[in-house]
PDB file of N, CA and C in Angstrom:
ATOM      1  N   UNK A   1      82.580  91.063 104.456  1.00  0.00           N
ATOM      2  CA  UNK A   1      83.874  91.130 104.913  1.00  0.00           C
ATOM      3  C   UNK A   1      84.273  89.779 105.567  1.00  0.00           C
ATOM      4  N   UNK A   2      83.371  89.190 106.329  1.00  0.00           N
ATOM      5  CA  UNK A   2      83.645  87.858 106.929  1.00  0.00           C
ATOM      6  C   UNK A   2      84.003  86.817 105.901  1.00  0.00           C
ATOM      7  N   UNK A   3      83.310  86.856 104.790  1.00  0.00           N
ATOM      8  CA  UNK A   3      83.502  85.880 103.715  1.00  0.00           C
ATOM      9  C   UNK A   3      84.921  86.131 103.120  1.00  0.00           C
ATOM     10  N   UNK A   4      85.314  87.362 103.014  1.00  0.00           N
ATOM     11  CA  UNK A   4      86.608  87.775 102.497  1.00  0.00           C
ATOM     12  C   UNK A   4      87.749  87.223 103.356  1.00  0.00           C
ATOM     13  N   UNK A   5      87.478  87.332 104.668  1.00  0.00           N
ATOM     14  CA  UNK A   5      88.494  86.911 105.704  1.00  0.00           C
ATOM     15  C   UNK A   5      88.602  85.343 105.530  1.00  0.00           C
ATOM     16  N   UNK A   6      87.448  84.675 105.431  1.00  0.00           N
ATOM     17  CA  UNK A   6      87.462  83.187 105.257  1.00  0.00           C
ATOM     18  C   UNK A   6      88.290  82.802 104.029  1.00  0.00           C
ATOM     19  N   UNK A   7      88.072  83.478 102.946  1.00  0.00           N
ATOM     20  CA  UNK A   7      88.739  83.182 101.746  1.00  0.00           C
ATOM     21  C   UNK A   7      90.229  83.577 101.753  1.00  0.00           C
ATOM     22  N   UNK A   8      90.558  84.449 102.655  1.00  0.00           N
ATOM     23  CA  UNK A   8      91.980  84.918 102.697  1.00  0.00           C
ATOM     24  C   UNK A   8      92.894  83.705 103.020  1.00  0.00           C
ATOM     25  N   UNK A   9      92.567  82.790 103.810  1.00  0.00           N
ATOM     26  CA  UNK A   9      93.349  81.670 104.149  1.00  0.00           C
ATOM     27  C   UNK A   9      93.464  80.551 103.103  1.00  0.00           C
ATOM     28  N   UNK A  10      92.691  80.717 102.061  1.00  0.00           N
ATOM     29  CA  UNK A  10      92.703  79.714 100.921  1.00  0.00           C
ATOM     30  C   UNK A  10      93.765  79.999  99.982  1.00  0.00           C
ATOM     31  N   UNK A  11      94.428  78.974  99.382  1.00  0.00           N
ATOM     32  CA  UNK A  11      95.433  79.143  98.473  1.00  0.00           C
ATOM     33  C   UNK A  11      95.011  80.024  97.258  1.00  0.00           C
ATOM     34  N   UNK A  12      95.864  80.739  96.678  1.00  0.00           N
ATOM     35  CA  UNK A  12      95.545  81.569  95.554  1.00  0.00           C
ATOM     36  C   UNK A  12      96.322  82.864  95.630  1.00  0.00           C
ATOM     37  N   UNK A  13      96.092  83.639  94.633  1.00  0.00           N
ATOM     38  CA  UNK A  13      96.852  84.920  94.555  1.00  0.00           C
ATOM     39  C   UNK A  13      96.044  86.001  95.311  1.00  0.00           C
ATOM     40  N   UNK A  14      96.753  86.956  95.966  1.00  0.00           N
ATOM     41  CA  UNK A  14      96.112  88.070  96.586  1.00  0.00           C
ATOM     42  C   UNK A  14      95.461  88.907  95.549  1.00  0.00           C
ATOM     43  N   UNK A  15      94.250  89.262  95.812  1.00  0.00           N
ATOM     44  CA  UNK A  15      93.537  90.048  94.783  1.00  0.00           C
ATOM     45  C   UNK A  15      93.583  91.466  95.178  1.00  0.00           C
ATOM     46  N   UNK A  16      94.016  92.354  94.274  1.00  0.00           N
ATOM     47  CA  UNK A  16      94.023  93.761  94.425  1.00  0.00           C
ATOM     48  C   UNK A  16      92.944  94.386  93.593  1.00  0.00           C
ATOM     49  N   UNK A  17      92.308  95.417  94.179  1.00  0.00           N
ATOM     50  CA  UNK A  17      91.246  96.102  93.418  1.00  0.00           C
ATOM     51  C   UNK A  17      91.229  97.562  93.849  1.00  0.00           C
ATOM     52  N   UNK A  18      90.446  98.316  93.124  1.00  0.00           N
ATOM     53  CA  UNK A  18      90.253  99.673  93.484  1.00  0.00           C
ATOM     54  C   UNK A  18      89.214  99.702  94.624  1.00  0.00           C
ATOM     55  N   UNK A  19      89.640 100.342  95.770  1.00  0.00           N
ATOM     56  CA  UNK A  19      88.749 100.410  96.957  1.00  0.00           C
ATOM     57  C   UNK A  19      88.621 101.861  97.385  1.00  0.00           C
ATOM     58  N   UNK A  20      87.496 102.111  98.018  1.00  0.00           N
ATOM     59  CA  UNK A  20      87.380 103.344  98.772  1.00  0.00           C
ATOM     60  C   UNK A  20      87.766 103.163 100.156  1.00  0.00           C
ATOM     61  N   UNK A  21      88.840 103.846 100.593  1.00  0.00           N
ATOM     62  CA  UNK A  21      89.433 103.672 101.822  1.00  0.00           C
ATOM     63  C   UNK A  21      88.442 103.859 102.993  1.00  0.00           C
ATOM     64  N   UNK A  22      87.539 104.828 102.806  1.00  0.00           N
ATOM     65  CA  UNK A  22      86.516 105.104 103.868  1.00  0.00           C
ATOM     66  C   UNK A  22      85.611 103.945 104.049  1.00  0.00           C
ATOM     67  N   UNK A  23      85.281 103.206 102.968  1.00  0.00           N
ATOM     68  CA  UNK A  23      84.454 101.999 103.022  1.00  0.00           C
ATOM     69  C   UNK A  23      85.137 100.924 103.908  1.00  0.00           C
ATOM     70  N   UNK A  24      86.370 100.660 103.612  1.00  0.00           N
ATOM     71  CA  UNK A  24      87.132  99.658 104.416  1.00  0.00           C
ATOM     72  C   UNK A  24      87.196 100.092 105.853  1.00  0.00           C
ATOM     73  N   UNK A  25      87.468 101.360 106.132  1.00  0.00           N
ATOM     74  CA  UNK A  25      87.467 101.756 107.580  1.00  0.00           C
ATOM     75  C   UNK A  25      86.102 101.611 108.169  1.00  0.00           C
ATOM     76  N   UNK A  26      85.051 102.025 107.483  1.00  0.00           N
ATOM     77  CA  UNK A  26      83.652 101.912 108.061  1.00  0.00           C
ATOM     78  C   UNK A  26      83.297 100.509 108.378  1.00  0.00           C
ATOM     79  N   UNK A  27      83.700  99.574 107.495  1.00  0.00           N
ATOM     80  CA  UNK A  27      83.398  98.124 107.775  1.00  0.00           C
ATOM     81  C   UNK A  27      84.077  97.720 109.130  1.00  0.00           C
ATOM     82  N   UNK A  28      85.290  98.117 109.298  1.00  0.00           N
ATOM     83  CA  UNK A  28      85.992  97.766 110.548  1.00  0.00           C
ATOM     84  C   UNK A  28      85.389  98.445 111.792  1.00  0.00           C
ATOM     85  N   UNK A  29      84.961  99.730 111.584  1.00  0.00           N
ATOM     86  CA  UNK A  29      84.314 100.404 112.747  1.00  0.00           C
ATOM     87  C   UNK A  29      82.995  99.698 113.100  1.00  0.00           C
ATOM     88  N   UNK A  30      82.285  99.168 112.098  1.00  0.00           N
ATOM     89  CA  UNK A  30      81.078  98.474 112.391  1.00  0.00           C
ATOM     90  C   UNK A  30      81.451  97.120 113.122  1.00  0.00           C
ATOM     91  N   UNK A  31      82.493  96.433 112.735  1.00  0.00           N
ATOM     92  CA  UNK A  31      82.937  95.269 113.415  1.00  0.00           C
ATOM     93  C   UNK A  31      83.293  95.547 114.911  1.00  0.00           C
ATOM     94  N   UNK A  32      83.874  96.702 115.129  1.00  0.00           N
ATOM     95  CA  UNK A  32      84.333  97.147 116.503  1.00  0.00           C
ATOM     96  C   UNK A  32      83.184  97.824 117.268  1.00  0.00           C
ATOM     97  N   UNK A  33      81.998  97.864 116.760  1.00  0.00           N
ATOM     98  CA  UNK A  33      80.958  98.557 117.502  1.00  0.00           C
ATOM     99  C   UNK A  33      80.717  98.045 118.842  1.00  0.00           C
ATOM    100  N   UNK A  34      80.929  96.771 119.091  1.00  0.00           N
ATOM    101  CA  UNK A  34      80.681  96.225 120.428  1.00  0.00           C
ATOM    102  C   UNK A  34      81.646  96.904 121.385  1.00  0.00           C
ATOM    103  N   UNK A  35      82.876  97.173 121.031  1.00  0.00           N
ATOM    104  CA  UNK A  35      83.848  97.807 121.897  1.00  0.00           C
ATOM    105  C   UNK A  35      83.447  99.257 122.184  1.00  0.00           C
ATOM    106  N   UNK A  36      82.870  99.922 121.208  1.00  0.00           N
ATOM    107  CA  UNK A  36      82.330 101.238 121.395  1.00  0.00           C
ATOM    108  C   UNK A  36      81.182 101.284 122.333  1.00  0.00           C
ATOM    109  N   UNK A  37      80.285 100.339 122.140  1.00  0.00           N
ATOM    110  CA  UNK A  37      79.027 100.257 123.049  1.00  0.00           C
ATOM    111  C   UNK A  37      79.474  99.897 124.442  1.00  0.00           C
ATOM    112  N   UNK A  38      80.426  99.053 124.592  1.00  0.00           N
ATOM    113  CA  UNK A  38      80.891  98.641 125.950  1.00  0.00           C
ATOM    114  C   UNK A  38      81.789  99.724 126.624  1.00  0.00           C
ATOM    115  N   UNK A  39      82.054 100.799 125.872  1.00  0.00           N
ATOM    116  CA  UNK A  39      82.904 101.866 126.455  1.00  0.00           C
ATOM    117  C   UNK A  39      84.325 101.590 126.567  1.00  0.00           C
ATOM    118  N   UNK A  40      84.893 100.668 125.727  1.00  0.00           N
ATOM    119  CA  UNK A  40      86.345 100.346 125.742  1.00  0.00           C
ATOM    120  C   UNK A  40      87.071 101.268 124.822  1.00  0.00           C
ATOM    121  N   UNK A  41      86.408 101.820 123.855  1.00  0.00           N
ATOM    122  CA  UNK A  41      87.110 102.643 122.883  1.00  0.00           C
ATOM    123  C   UNK A  41      86.204 103.748 122.443  1.00  0.00           C
ATOM    124  N   UNK A  42      86.840 104.897 122.112  1.00  0.00           N
ATOM    125  CA  UNK A  42      86.123 106.065 121.574  1.00  0.00           C
ATOM    126  C   UNK A  42      86.910 106.368 120.281  1.00  0.00           C
ATOM    127  N   UNK A  43      86.111 106.439 119.191  1.00  0.00           N
ATOM    128  CA  UNK A  43      86.736 106.598 117.889  1.00  0.00           C
ATOM    129  C   UNK A  43      86.488 108.051 117.413  1.00  0.00           C
ATOM    130  N   UNK A  44      87.450 108.671 116.880  1.00  0.00           N
ATOM    131  CA  UNK A  44      87.362 109.940 116.209  1.00  0.00           C
ATOM    132  C   UNK A  44      87.911 109.767 114.792  1.00  0.00           C
ATOM    133  N   UNK A  45      87.044 109.842 113.823  1.00  0.00           N
ATOM    134  CA  UNK A  45      87.399 109.634 112.421  1.00  0.00           C
ATOM    135  C   UNK A  45      87.638 111.078 111.829  1.00  0.00           C
ATOM    136  N   UNK A  46      88.797 111.258 111.175  1.00  0.00           N
ATOM    137  CA  UNK A  46      89.145 112.469 110.510  1.00  0.00           C
ATOM    138  C   UNK A  46      89.444 112.180 109.065  1.00  0.00           C
ATOM    139  N   UNK A  47      88.291 111.831 108.377  1.00  0.00           N
ATOM    140  CA  UNK A  47      88.488 111.476 106.940  1.00  0.00           C
ATOM    141  C   UNK A  47      87.722 112.456 106.041  1.00  0.00           C
ATOM    142  N   UNK A  48      88.234 112.683 104.836  1.00  0.00           N
ATOM    143  CA  UNK A  48      87.601 113.581 103.907  1.00  0.00           C
ATOM    144  C   UNK A  48      86.249 113.002 103.503  1.00  0.00           C
ATOM    145  N   UNK A  49      85.288 113.912 103.171  1.00  0.00           N
ATOM    146  CA  UNK A  49      83.922 113.512 102.703  1.00  0.00           C
ATOM    147  C   UNK A  49      84.175 112.836 101.325  1.00  0.00           C
ATOM    148  N   UNK A  50      84.896 113.411 100.466  1.00  0.00           N
ATOM    149  CA  UNK A  50      84.996 112.782  99.109  1.00  0.00           C
ATOM    150  C   UNK A  50      85.759 111.434  99.189  1.00  0.00           C
ATOM    151  N   UNK A  51      85.325 110.461  98.388  1.00  0.00           N
ATOM    152  CA  UNK A  51      85.915 109.121  98.361  1.00  0.00           C
ATOM    153  C   UNK A  51      87.488 109.249  98.098  1.00  0.00           C
ATOM    154  N   UNK A  52      88.187 108.469  98.894  1.00  0.00           N
ATOM    155  CA  UNK A  52      89.674 108.290  98.658  1.00  0.00           C
ATOM    156  C   UNK A  52      89.915 106.872  98.183  1.00  0.00           C
ATOM    157  N   UNK A  53      90.193 106.764  96.884  1.00  0.00           N
ATOM    158  CA  UNK A  53      90.379 105.497  96.229  1.00  0.00           C
ATOM    159  C   UNK A  53      91.781 105.015  96.268  1.00  0.00           C
ATOM    160  N   UNK A  54      92.025 103.749  96.607  1.00  0.00           N
ATOM    161  CA  UNK A  54      93.382 103.118  96.569  1.00  0.00           C
ATOM    162  C   UNK A  54      93.262 101.832  95.854  1.00  0.00           C
ATOM    163  N   UNK A  55      94.413 101.318  95.422  1.00  0.00           N
ATOM    164  CA  UNK A  55      94.451  99.909  94.934  1.00  0.00           C
ATOM    165  C   UNK A  55      95.030  99.112  96.058  1.00  0.00           C
ATOM    166  N   UNK A  56      94.267  98.118  96.485  1.00  0.00           N
ATOM    167  CA  UNK A  56      94.699  97.303  97.586  1.00  0.00           C
ATOM    168  C   UNK A  56      93.845  96.023  97.753  1.00  0.00           C
ATOM    169  N   UNK A  57      94.069  95.354  98.787  1.00  0.00           N
ATOM    170  CA  UNK A  57      93.339  94.152  99.138  1.00  0.00           C
ATOM    171  C   UNK A  57      92.467  94.471 100.357  1.00  0.00           C
ATOM    172  N   UNK A  58      91.159  94.344 100.106  1.00  0.00           N
ATOM    173  CA  UNK A  58      90.203  94.748 101.191  1.00  0.00           C
ATOM    174  C   UNK A  58      90.498  94.019 102.511  1.00  0.00           C
ATOM    175  N   UNK A  59      90.765  92.693 102.471  1.00  0.00           N
ATOM    176  CA  UNK A  59      91.010  91.916 103.717  1.00  0.00           C
ATOM    177  C   UNK A  59      92.271  92.437 104.387  1.00  0.00           C
ATOM    178  N   UNK A  60      93.348  92.632 103.671  1.00  0.00           N
ATOM    179  CA  UNK A  60      94.579  93.029 104.264  1.00  0.00           C
ATOM    180  C   UNK A  60      94.489  94.523 104.851  1.00  0.00           C
ATOM    181  N   UNK A  61      93.816  95.377 104.150  1.00  0.00           N
ATOM    182  CA  UNK A  61      93.605  96.732 104.678  1.00  0.00           C
ATOM    183  C   UNK A  61      92.716  96.686 105.951  1.00  0.00           C
ATOM    184  N   UNK A  62      91.680  95.855 105.888  1.00  0.00           N
ATOM    185  CA  UNK A  62      90.794  95.725 107.010  1.00  0.00           C
ATOM    186  C   UNK A  62      91.559  95.168 108.254  1.00  0.00           C
ATOM    187  N   UNK A  63      92.470  94.226 108.043  1.00  0.00           N
ATOM    188  CA  UNK A  63      93.218  93.691 109.182  1.00  0.00           C
ATOM    189  C   UNK A  63      94.212  94.717 109.749  1.00  0.00           C
ATOM    190  N   UNK A  64      94.726  95.598 108.916  1.00  0.00           N
ATOM    191  CA  UNK A  64      95.560  96.645 109.446  1.00  0.00           C
ATOM    192  C   UNK A  64      94.790  97.557 110.388  1.00  0.00           C
ATOM    193  N   UNK A  65      93.554  98.023 109.928  1.00  0.00           N
ATOM    194  CA  UNK A  65      92.787  98.903 110.800  1.00  0.00           C
ATOM    195  C   UNK A  65      92.326  98.106 112.020  1.00  0.00           C
ATOM    196  N   UNK A  66      91.847  96.870 111.866  1.00  0.00           N
ATOM    197  CA  UNK A  66      91.288  96.090 113.020  1.00  0.00           C
ATOM    198  C   UNK A  66      92.474  95.865 114.037  1.00  0.00           C
ATOM    199  N   UNK A  67      93.658  95.539 113.579  1.00  0.00           N
ATOM    200  CA  UNK A  67      94.788  95.269 114.466  1.00  0.00           C
ATOM    201  C   UNK A  67      95.153  96.523 115.233  1.00  0.00           C
ATOM    202  N   UNK A  68      95.165  97.612 114.585  1.00  0.00           N
ATOM    203  CA  UNK A  68      95.484  98.915 115.262  1.00  0.00           C
ATOM    204  C   UNK A  68      94.534  99.212 116.367  1.00  0.00           C
ATOM    205  N   UNK A  69      93.232  98.993 116.052  1.00  0.00           N
ATOM    206  CA  UNK A  69      92.160  99.328 117.082  1.00  0.00           C
ATOM    207  C   UNK A  69      92.275  98.326 118.260  1.00  0.00           C
ATOM    208  N   UNK A  70      92.399  97.065 117.927  1.00  0.00           N
ATOM    209  CA  UNK A  70      92.504  96.007 118.983  1.00  0.00           C
ATOM    210  C   UNK A  70      93.721  96.269 119.852  1.00  0.00           C
ATOM    211  N   UNK A  71      94.935  96.562 119.239  1.00  0.00           N
ATOM    212  CA  UNK A  71      96.110  96.896 119.996  1.00  0.00           C
ATOM    213  C   UNK A  71      95.890  98.027 120.954  1.00  0.00           C
ATOM    214  N   UNK A  72      95.242  99.085 120.458  1.00  0.00           N
ATOM    215  CA  UNK A  72      94.949 100.250 121.342  1.00  0.00           C
ATOM    216  C   UNK A  72      94.130  99.871 122.558  1.00  0.00           C
ATOM    217  N   UNK A  73      93.101  98.966 122.418  1.00  0.00           N
ATOM    218  CA  UNK A  73      92.238  98.526 123.416  1.00  0.00           C
ATOM    219  C   UNK A  73      93.104  97.685 124.439  1.00  0.00           C
ATOM    220  N   UNK A  74      93.876  96.753 123.926  1.00  0.00           N
ATOM    221  CA  UNK A  74      94.634  95.821 124.707  1.00  0.00           C
ATOM    222  C   UNK A  74      95.792  96.499 125.559  1.00  0.00           C
ATOM    223  N   UNK A  75      96.314  97.591 125.012  1.00  0.00           N
ATOM    224  CA  UNK A  75      97.408  98.296 125.642  1.00  0.00           C
ATOM    225  C   UNK A  75      96.864  99.330 126.680  1.00  0.00           C
ATOM    226  N   UNK A  76      95.595  99.514 126.651  1.00  0.00           N
ATOM    227  CA  UNK A  76      94.980 100.584 127.587  1.00  0.00           C
ATOM    228  C   UNK A  76      95.178 100.199 129.038  1.00  0.00           C
ATOM    229  N   UNK A  77      95.856 101.037 129.757  1.00  0.00           N
ATOM    230  CA  UNK A  77      96.054 100.793 131.238  1.00  0.00           C
ATOM    231  C   UNK A  77      95.190 101.687 132.067  1.00  0.00           C
ATOM    232  N   UNK A  78      94.479 102.570 131.474  1.00  0.00           N
ATOM    233  CA  UNK A  78      93.580 103.500 132.172  1.00  0.00           C
ATOM    234  C   UNK A  78      92.258 102.859 132.394  1.00  0.00           C
ATOM    235  N   UNK A  79      91.573 103.380 133.420  1.00  0.00           N
ATOM    236  CA  UNK A  79      90.199 102.892 133.679  1.00  0.00           C
ATOM    237  C   UNK A  79      89.207 103.697 132.959  1.00  0.00           C
ATOM    238  N   UNK A  80      89.417 103.940 131.667  1.00  0.00           N
ATOM    239  CA  UNK A  80      88.450 104.699 130.904  1.00  0.00           C
ATOM    240  C   UNK A  80      88.657 104.299 129.453  1.00  0.00           C
ATOM    241  N   UNK A  81      87.668 104.703 128.585  1.00  0.00           N
ATOM    242  CA  UNK A  81      87.819 104.268 127.156  1.00  0.00           C
ATOM    243  C   UNK A  81      89.106 104.850 126.583  1.00  0.00           C
ATOM    244  N   UNK A  82      89.774 104.093 125.774  1.00  0.00           N
ATOM    245  CA  UNK A  82      90.924 104.643 125.018  1.00  0.00           C
ATOM    246  C   UNK A  82      90.422 105.446 123.839  1.00  0.00           C
ATOM    247  N   UNK A  83      91.023 106.568 123.609  1.00  0.00           N
ATOM    248  CA  UNK A  83      90.681 107.457 122.488  1.00  0.00           C
ATOM    249  C   UNK A  83      91.608 107.106 121.370  1.00  0.00           C
ATOM    250  N   UNK A  84      90.967 106.790 120.213  1.00  0.00           N
ATOM    251  CA  UNK A  84      91.725 106.444 119.010  1.00  0.00           C
ATOM    252  C   UNK A  84      91.249 107.398 117.924  1.00  0.00           C
ATOM    253  N   UNK A  85      92.171 108.039 117.263  1.00  0.00           N
ATOM    254  CA  UNK A  85      91.933 108.975 116.129  1.00  0.00           C
ATOM    255  C   UNK A  85      92.459 108.302 114.861  1.00  0.00           C
ATOM    256  N   UNK A  86      91.630 108.249 113.823  1.00  0.00           N
ATOM    257  CA  UNK A  86      92.032 107.722 112.566  1.00  0.00           C
ATOM    258  C   UNK A  86      91.785 108.808 111.538  1.00  0.00           C
ATOM    259  N   UNK A  87      92.796 109.153 110.791  1.00  0.00           N
ATOM    260  CA  UNK A  87      92.682 110.175 109.791  1.00  0.00           C
ATOM    261  C   UNK A  87      93.420 109.914 108.542  1.00  0.00           C
ATOM    262  N   UNK A  88      93.023 110.562 107.455  1.00  0.00           N
ATOM    263  CA  UNK A  88      93.686 110.448 106.220  1.00  0.00           C
ATOM    264  C   UNK A  88      94.234 111.823 105.933  1.00  0.00           C
ATOM    265  N   UNK A  89      95.550 111.827 105.584  1.00  0.00           N
ATOM    266  CA  UNK A  89      96.217 113.119 105.185  1.00  0.00           C
ATOM    267  C   UNK A  89      96.517 113.005 103.665  1.00  0.00           C
ATOM    268  N   UNK A  90      96.047 113.939 102.897  1.00  0.00           N
ATOM    269  CA  UNK A  90      96.269 113.924 101.463  1.00  0.00           C
ATOM    270  C   UNK A  90      97.445 114.792 101.070  1.00  0.00           C
ATOM    271  N   UNK A  91      98.334 114.171 100.244  1.00  0.00           N
ATOM    272  CA  UNK A  91      99.458 114.907  99.689  1.00  0.00           C
ATOM    273  C   UNK A  91      99.611 114.546  98.261  1.00  0.00           C
ATOM    274  N   UNK A  92      98.992 115.392  97.433  1.00  0.00           N
ATOM    275  CA  UNK A  92      98.953 115.087  95.929  1.00  0.00           C
ATOM    276  C   UNK A  92      98.213 113.778  95.671  1.00  0.00           C
ATOM    277  N   UNK A  93      98.864 112.832  95.061  1.00  0.00           N
ATOM    278  CA  UNK A  93      98.206 111.578  94.816  1.00  0.00           C
ATOM    279  C   UNK A  93      98.400 110.463  95.900  1.00  0.00           C
ATOM    280  N   UNK A  94      99.044 110.923  96.958  1.00  0.00           N
ATOM    281  CA  UNK A  94      99.303 109.987  98.161  1.00  0.00           C
ATOM    282  C   UNK A  94      98.306 110.213  99.169  1.00  0.00           C
ATOM    283  N   UNK A  95      97.976 109.096  99.937  1.00  0.00           N
ATOM    284  CA  UNK A  95      97.073 109.196 101.117  1.00  0.00           C
ATOM    285  C   UNK A  95      97.900 108.620 102.201  1.00  0.00           C
ATOM    286  N   UNK A  96      98.121 109.345 103.274  1.00  0.00           N
ATOM    287  CA  UNK A  96      98.717 108.949 104.451  1.00  0.00           C
ATOM    288  C   UNK A  96      97.646 108.573 105.517  1.00  0.00           C
ATOM    289  N   UNK A  97      97.695 107.377 105.984  1.00  0.00           N
ATOM    290  CA  UNK A  97      96.711 106.978 107.042  1.00  0.00           C
ATOM    291  C   UNK A  97      97.434 107.132 108.404  1.00  0.00           C
ATOM    292  N   UNK A  98      96.753 108.002 109.283  1.00  0.00           N
ATOM    293  CA  UNK A  98      97.357 108.319 110.608  1.00  0.00           C
ATOM    294  C   UNK A  98      96.382 107.681 111.645  1.00  0.00           C
ATOM    295  N   UNK A  99      96.936 106.775 112.504  1.00  0.00           N
ATOM    296  CA  UNK A  99      96.234 106.160 113.548  1.00  0.00           C
ATOM    297  C   UNK A  99      96.989 106.540 114.823  1.00  0.00           C
ATOM    298  N   UNK A 100      96.293 107.146 115.746  1.00  0.00           N
ATOM    299  CA  UNK A 100      96.953 107.472 117.021  1.00  0.00           C
ATOM    300  C   UNK A 100      96.011 107.221 118.163  1.00  0.00           C
ATOM    301  N   UNK A 101      96.502 106.864 119.310  1.00  0.00           N
ATOM    302  CA  UNK A 101      95.641 106.755 120.479  1.00  0.00           C
ATOM    303  C   UNK A 101      96.371 107.404 121.732  1.00  0.00           C
ATOM    304  N   UNK A 102      95.615 107.403 122.805  1.00  0.00           N
ATOM    305  CA  UNK A 102      96.134 108.054 123.986  1.00  0.00           C
ATOM    306  C   UNK A 102      96.627 107.022 125.022  1.00  0.00           C
ATOM    307  N   UNK A 103      97.071 105.873 124.552  1.00  0.00           N
ATOM    308  CA  UNK A 103      97.618 104.862 125.381  1.00  0.00           C
ATOM    309  C   UNK A 103      98.961 105.102 125.917  1.00  0.00           C
ATOM    310  N   UNK A 104      99.650 104.168 126.562  1.00  0.00           N
ATOM    311  CA  UNK A 104     100.910 104.393 127.221  1.00  0.00           C
ATOM    312  C   UNK A 104     102.071 104.523 126.293  1.00  0.00           C
ATOM    313  N   UNK A 105     101.900 104.145 125.047  1.00  0.00           N
ATOM    314  CA  UNK A 105     103.062 104.259 124.125  1.00  0.00           C
ATOM    315  C   UNK A 105     103.904 102.984 124.128  1.00  0.00           C
ATOM    316  N   UNK A 106     105.085 103.073 123.534  1.00  0.00           N
ATOM    317  CA  UNK A 106     105.902 101.993 123.435  1.00  0.00           C
ATOM    318  C   UNK A 106     107.346 102.396 123.911  1.00  0.00           C
ATOM    319  N   UNK A 107     107.999 101.563 124.670  1.00  0.00           N
ATOM    320  CA  UNK A 107     109.360 101.882 125.178  1.00  0.00           C
ATOM    321  C   UNK A 107     110.354 102.150 124.121  1.00  0.00           C
ATOM    322  N   UNK A 108     111.428 102.837 124.418  1.00  0.00           N
ATOM    323  CA  UNK A 108     112.463 103.058 123.456  1.00  0.00           C
ATOM    324  C   UNK A 108     113.170 101.730 123.020  1.00  0.00           C
ATOM    325  N   UNK A 109     113.308 100.808 124.008  1.00  0.00           N
ATOM    326  CA  UNK A 109     113.979  99.561 123.651  1.00  0.00           C
ATOM    327  C   UNK A 109     113.051  98.729 122.713  1.00  0.00           C
ATOM    328  N   UNK A 110     111.794  98.775 122.995  1.00  0.00           N
ATOM    329  CA  UNK A 110     110.880  97.929 122.069  1.00  0.00           C
ATOM    330  C   UNK A 110     110.721  98.633 120.695  1.00  0.00           C
ATOM    331  N   UNK A 111     110.736 100.012 120.721  1.00  0.00           N
ATOM    332  CA  UNK A 111     110.662 100.694 119.485  1.00  0.00           C
ATOM    333  C   UNK A 111     111.792 100.316 118.444  1.00  0.00           C
ATOM    334  N   UNK A 112     112.918 100.084 119.075  1.00  0.00           N
ATOM    335  CA  UNK A 112     114.050  99.706 118.211  1.00  0.00           C
ATOM    336  C   UNK A 112     113.855  98.320 117.570  1.00  0.00           C
ATOM    337  N   UNK A 113     112.987  97.536 118.110  1.00  0.00           N
ATOM    338  CA  UNK A 113     112.737  96.179 117.542  1.00  0.00           C
ATOM    339  C   UNK A 113     111.487  96.043 116.660  1.00  0.00           C
ATOM    340  N   UNK A 114     110.735  97.124 116.644  1.00  0.00           N
ATOM    341  CA  UNK A 114     109.497  97.106 115.814  1.00  0.00           C
ATOM    342  C   UNK A 114     109.879  96.835 114.392  1.00  0.00           C
ATOM    343  N   UNK A 115     109.175  95.927 113.760  1.00  0.00           N
ATOM    344  CA  UNK A 115     109.453  95.631 112.359  1.00  0.00           C
ATOM    345  C   UNK A 115     110.214  94.378 112.114  1.00  0.00           C
ATOM    346  N   UNK A 116     110.855  93.882 113.209  1.00  0.00           N
ATOM    347  CA  UNK A 116     111.636  92.683 113.115  1.00  0.00           C
ATOM    348  C   UNK A 116     110.695  91.479 113.195  1.00  0.00           C
ATOM    349  N   UNK A 117     111.025  90.416 112.489  1.00  0.00           N
ATOM    350  CA  UNK A 117     110.206  89.236 112.384  1.00  0.00           C
ATOM    351  C   UNK A 117     109.952  88.698 113.786  1.00  0.00           C
ATOM    352  N   UNK A 118     108.695  88.376 114.067  1.00  0.00           N
ATOM    353  CA  UNK A 118     108.264  87.688 115.297  1.00  0.00           C
ATOM    354  C   UNK A 118     108.414  88.537 116.550  1.00  0.00           C
ATOM    355  N   UNK A 119     108.688  89.864 116.425  1.00  0.00           N
ATOM    356  CA  UNK A 119     108.777  90.735 117.578  1.00  0.00           C
ATOM    357  C   UNK A 119     107.366  91.113 118.056  1.00  0.00           C
ATOM    358  N   UNK A 120     107.042  91.017 119.341  1.00  0.00           N
ATOM    359  CA  UNK A 120     105.773  91.493 119.936  1.00  0.00           C
ATOM    360  C   UNK A 120     106.062  92.008 121.308  1.00  0.00           C
ATOM    361  N   UNK A 121     105.324  92.959 121.695  1.00  0.00           N
ATOM    362  CA  UNK A 121     105.348  93.457 123.106  1.00  0.00           C
ATOM    363  C   UNK A 121     104.391  92.631 123.924  1.00  0.00           C
ATOM    364  N   UNK A 122     103.563  91.883 123.325  1.00  0.00           N
ATOM    365  CA  UNK A 122     102.548  91.043 124.057  1.00  0.00           C
ATOM    366  C   UNK A 122     103.159  89.693 124.371  1.00  0.00           C
ATOM    367  N   UNK A 123     102.807  89.183 125.568  1.00  0.00           N
ATOM    368  CA  UNK A 123     103.292  87.858 125.946  1.00  0.00           C
ATOM    369  C   UNK A 123     102.902  86.802 124.983  1.00  0.00           C
ATOM    370  N   UNK A 124     101.631  86.841 124.535  1.00  0.00           N
ATOM    371  CA  UNK A 124     101.097  85.872 123.594  1.00  0.00           C
ATOM    372  C   UNK A 124     101.048  86.316 122.156  1.00  0.00           C
ATOM    373  N   UNK A 125     101.757  87.462 121.822  1.00  0.00           N
ATOM    374  CA  UNK A 125     101.714  87.971 120.485  1.00  0.00           C
ATOM    375  C   UNK A 125     102.561  87.144 119.526  1.00  0.00           C
ATOM    376  N   UNK A 126     102.103  87.188 118.278  1.00  0.00           N
ATOM    377  CA  UNK A 126     102.740  86.423 117.211  1.00  0.00           C
ATOM    378  C   UNK A 126     103.815  87.186 116.522  1.00  0.00           C
ATOM    379  N   UNK A 127     103.809  88.585 116.605  1.00  0.00           N
ATOM    380  CA  UNK A 127     104.759  89.425 115.943  1.00  0.00           C
ATOM    381  C   UNK A 127     104.633  89.585 114.505  1.00  0.00           C
ATOM    382  N   UNK A 128     103.391  89.179 113.994  1.00  0.00           N
ATOM    383  CA  UNK A 128     103.197  89.382 112.543  1.00  0.00           C
ATOM    384  C   UNK A 128     102.154  90.497 112.270  1.00  0.00           C
ATOM    385  N   UNK A 129     101.755  91.187 113.354  1.00  0.00           N
ATOM    386  CA  UNK A 129     100.726  92.251 113.228  1.00  0.00           C
ATOM    387  C   UNK A 129     101.334  93.447 112.684  1.00  0.00           C
TER     388      UNK A 129
END
């Protein structure tokens, strides 16, 4: 995975391939194991046992999962581990990835700006996550 991230910044076309979504998620969970060991995050995975295959880019999908987990940790205002649930909901040939945490949430005013270029709720955020 680290090698894939290094190659991501190099010029070239984005490579799409058939991936097992559980494998991508498991790679990110292993990367975040330090946060689990340190008690900053508790993960609950609700994923089917049978492989869920998608066509995608491993690095980009990994970054989505990683960003969601890091954001949950950074937004945590409680003096306990943040609980993050990651699940896959199947609807025919579609897979919906659901990521939720028990953090403070986002304000109504900020919610209206989500998705706009360079918008971030973090002081040092880039707004591209």
